Protein backbone atom coordinates (compact mmCIF):
# COMPACT_ATOMS: atom_id res chain seq x y z
CA GLY A 1 95.11 178.57 25.35
CA GLY A 2 94.22 177.23 28.84
CA SER A 3 96.06 176.82 31.92
CA ARG A 4 95.43 175.40 35.32
CA SER A 5 97.41 174.20 38.52
CA ALA A 6 97.21 170.59 39.03
CA GLY A 7 98.86 169.62 42.35
CA ALA A 8 102.47 171.03 42.35
CA SER A 9 102.52 171.89 38.50
CA ALA A 10 100.66 174.18 36.31
CA ILE A 11 99.27 172.27 32.93
CA THR A 12 99.32 174.44 29.79
CA LEU A 13 96.80 173.43 27.07
CA ASP A 14 96.94 175.16 23.56
CA VAL A 15 95.38 174.45 20.34
CA LEU A 16 97.98 174.76 17.43
CA ALA A 17 96.30 177.80 15.99
CA PRO A 18 97.01 181.44 15.11
CA ASP A 19 95.37 184.15 17.50
CA HIS A 20 92.86 184.88 14.40
CA THR A 21 91.22 182.50 11.97
CA GLY A 22 93.47 180.17 10.26
CA TYR A 23 93.23 178.81 6.86
CA THR A 24 93.02 175.40 5.44
CA LEU A 25 92.62 174.06 1.75
CA GLN A 26 91.63 170.77 3.20
CA GLU A 27 87.89 169.71 3.36
CA ASN A 28 88.65 167.60 6.47
CA PRO A 29 92.20 168.72 8.02
CA THR A 30 93.96 167.31 10.95
CA ILE A 31 93.89 169.91 14.02
CA TYR A 32 96.53 169.68 16.69
CA TRP A 33 96.78 170.46 20.29
CA TYR A 34 99.62 170.79 23.10
CA VAL A 35 99.63 169.96 26.63
CA SER A 36 102.56 170.86 28.71
CA GLU A 37 102.47 167.89 31.10
CA ARG A 38 101.21 164.17 30.96
CA ILE A 39 97.55 164.06 31.68
CA THR A 40 95.38 161.06 32.79
CA ASP A 41 92.08 163.05 32.32
CA PRO A 42 89.73 162.84 29.39
CA VAL A 43 89.95 165.12 26.76
CA GLU A 44 86.93 166.50 24.78
CA VAL A 45 87.43 168.00 21.12
CA THR A 46 84.24 170.19 19.46
CA VAL A 47 84.05 171.80 16.32
CA THR A 48 81.19 174.11 15.58
CA ALA A 49 80.14 176.26 12.42
CA MET A 50 80.05 180.00 13.02
CA GLY A 51 77.20 181.69 11.39
CA SER A 52 73.44 180.99 12.25
CA PRO A 53 72.43 180.09 15.59
CA GLN A 54 71.24 176.77 14.25
CA GLU A 55 74.59 175.66 13.07
CA ALA A 56 76.38 177.16 16.36
CA PHE A 57 74.13 175.03 18.46
CA GLN A 58 74.67 171.63 16.26
CA PRO A 59 78.33 170.64 16.75
CA LEU A 60 79.91 168.87 13.66
CA LEU A 61 82.17 167.02 16.29
CA GLU A 62 81.97 166.52 20.06
CA ILE A 63 84.15 163.62 20.99
CA THR A 64 85.77 162.51 24.17
CA LEU A 65 89.43 161.13 23.79
CA LYS A 66 90.48 158.48 26.12
CA PRO A 67 93.52 159.30 28.47
CA PRO A 68 96.52 159.06 29.17
CA PHE A 69 98.09 161.80 26.97
CA ASP A 70 101.90 162.43 27.01
CA LYS A 71 103.32 165.78 27.13
CA GLY A 72 103.47 167.38 23.74
CA VAL A 73 101.48 167.61 20.13
CA HIS A 74 98.57 165.64 19.63
CA ALA A 75 96.19 165.44 16.48
CA VAL A 76 92.89 164.98 15.78
CA ARG A 77 91.99 163.74 11.95
CA LEU A 78 88.71 165.25 11.12
CA LYS A 79 88.62 162.70 8.19
CA ASP A 80 88.17 159.96 10.78
CA HIS A 81 85.19 161.31 12.37
CA GLY A 82 83.58 162.15 8.98
CA VAL A 83 83.63 165.83 9.47
CA VAL A 84 83.85 167.98 6.33
CA LEU A 85 84.28 171.80 6.30
CA LYS A 86 82.22 173.88 3.84
CA ARG A 87 84.29 176.60 1.75
CA ASP A 88 84.29 179.84 3.17
CA THR A 89 82.50 178.88 6.41
CA GLU A 90 84.34 179.83 9.74
CA TYR A 91 84.51 177.16 12.63
CA GLN A 92 85.63 177.36 16.06
CA TRP A 93 87.20 174.32 17.78
CA PHE A 94 87.90 173.63 21.38
CA VAL A 95 90.11 171.16 23.29
CA ALA A 96 89.07 170.77 26.81
CA VAL A 97 90.80 168.59 29.76
CA VAL A 98 88.09 167.30 31.70
CA PRO A 99 89.30 166.49 35.44
CA ASP A 100 85.84 166.25 36.72
CA PRO A 101 83.00 165.68 34.54
CA ASN A 102 80.46 166.72 37.31
CA GLN A 103 82.37 169.95 37.86
CA ARG A 104 82.86 171.41 34.31
CA SER A 105 84.09 174.82 35.81
CA ASN A 106 87.49 173.06 36.55
CA ASP A 107 87.89 172.27 32.85
CA ILE A 108 91.12 173.47 31.12
CA LEU A 109 89.94 174.96 27.84
CA ALA A 110 91.44 176.10 24.61
CA GLY A 111 90.02 176.96 21.45
CA GLY A 112 90.74 178.33 17.89
CA SER A 113 88.93 179.15 14.64
CA ILE A 114 89.62 177.67 11.13
CA LYS A 115 88.12 178.40 7.60
CA ARG A 116 88.33 176.45 4.49
CA ILE A 117 89.43 178.55 1.46
CA SER A 118 90.03 177.76 -2.11
CA ALA A 119 93.73 177.69 -3.20
CA PRO A 120 95.02 180.77 -5.01
CA GLN A 121 96.00 179.49 -8.51
CA ALA A 122 99.66 180.80 -8.04
CA LEU A 123 99.79 178.81 -4.68
CA GLU A 124 98.38 175.58 -6.50
CA ALA A 125 101.04 175.65 -9.10
CA ARG A 126 104.00 176.19 -6.72
CA LEU A 127 102.62 173.25 -4.43
CA ARG A 128 102.37 170.98 -7.73
CA ALA A 129 106.04 171.65 -8.48
CA ALA A 130 107.26 171.58 -4.84
CA GLY A 131 109.01 168.65 -2.83
CA GLU A 132 107.43 167.61 0.42
CA PHE A 133 109.89 169.51 2.39
CA VAL A 134 109.21 172.78 0.76
CA LYS A 135 105.43 172.72 0.98
CA PRO A 136 105.27 173.69 4.56
CA ALA A 137 106.83 177.06 3.80
CA LEU A 138 104.64 177.57 0.79
CA TYR A 139 101.77 177.02 2.89
CA ALA A 140 102.86 179.37 5.67
CA GLU A 141 104.00 182.24 3.28
CA SER A 142 100.41 181.99 1.99
CA GLY A 143 98.50 182.34 5.18
CA VAL A 144 97.31 178.59 5.16
CA TRP A 145 98.39 178.16 8.52
CA TYR A 146 96.69 174.74 9.32
CA ASP A 147 98.15 173.20 6.35
CA ALA A 148 101.67 174.31 7.20
CA ILE A 149 101.39 172.61 10.74
CA ASP A 150 99.99 169.70 9.30
CA GLN A 151 102.53 169.21 6.79
CA LEU A 152 105.34 169.98 9.04
CA SER A 153 103.80 167.48 11.80
CA THR A 154 103.78 164.59 9.30
CA LEU A 155 107.16 165.19 8.10
CA ILE A 156 108.25 165.12 11.80
CA SER A 157 106.47 161.89 12.30
CA ALA A 158 108.18 160.49 9.29
CA ASN A 159 111.33 161.79 10.18
CA PRO A 160 111.75 161.86 13.84
CA ALA A 161 115.52 162.68 13.99
CA ASN A 162 115.10 165.71 11.49
CA ASN A 163 115.84 168.49 14.01
CA GLN A 164 115.23 171.21 11.06
CA LEU A 165 111.66 170.16 10.89
CA ARG A 166 111.20 170.60 14.53
CA GLU A 167 112.92 173.84 14.54
CA GLN A 168 110.70 175.00 11.48
CA ARG A 169 107.28 174.21 13.22
CA ALA A 170 108.63 175.43 16.51
CA ALA A 171 109.50 179.08 14.38
CA LEU A 172 106.02 178.89 13.17
CA LEU A 173 104.24 178.02 16.66
CA LYS A 174 106.47 180.98 18.23
CA GLU A 175 105.26 183.50 15.63
CA ALA A 176 101.48 182.45 16.50
CA GLY A 177 102.32 183.04 20.25
CA LEU A 178 102.51 179.53 21.12
CA ALA A 179 105.73 179.72 23.16
CA ASP A 180 105.39 176.62 25.30
CA ALA A 181 104.47 174.31 22.24
CA ALA A 182 107.48 175.88 20.33
CA ALA A 183 109.78 175.21 23.22
CA HIS A 184 108.69 171.69 23.45
CA ASP A 185 109.57 171.44 19.85
CA ARG A 186 113.00 172.78 20.29
CA ASN A 187 113.80 170.68 23.26
CA ALA A 188 112.33 167.55 21.64
CA GLY A 189 114.51 167.71 18.74
CA GLY A 190 117.79 168.01 20.47
């Protein structure tokens, strides 16, 4: 994650990603980021493939999101931008708050990595039999981190008064070392 003082307060920016390469089963997953304060600067999101130098220099996604952004968790649906992740390829993704486009050294930057994998057969069977509220735990147990976060985030959006869902996401975030985002979830729920 990145942080920088902005006036009297420090802004923390985190991508909701583990400190290692996180997995997804989705060809175009939703990626999430967190900001600790309301911001009025543009935010850039970039996704690049790791591998050959040619791939690394050609981003799959490079977009600027228009402000303002409230304190909290925000999503970028890769499907909305036509981004498809190849199986067994590792990708890096970055979120940058851009206070001054002419002074990029002032950016607040956070990044993570993601890899699309095939679902193990045992997990596929368990997911087919599971209800929506059980799936996040199944993904998390299997190390499919991005899908666990996405499933929980989707359920939170559909059930905003369900504090148990926020607590589950907070526990997953805390486990990944994302203490600020986890604390925000716990406070937003109660």
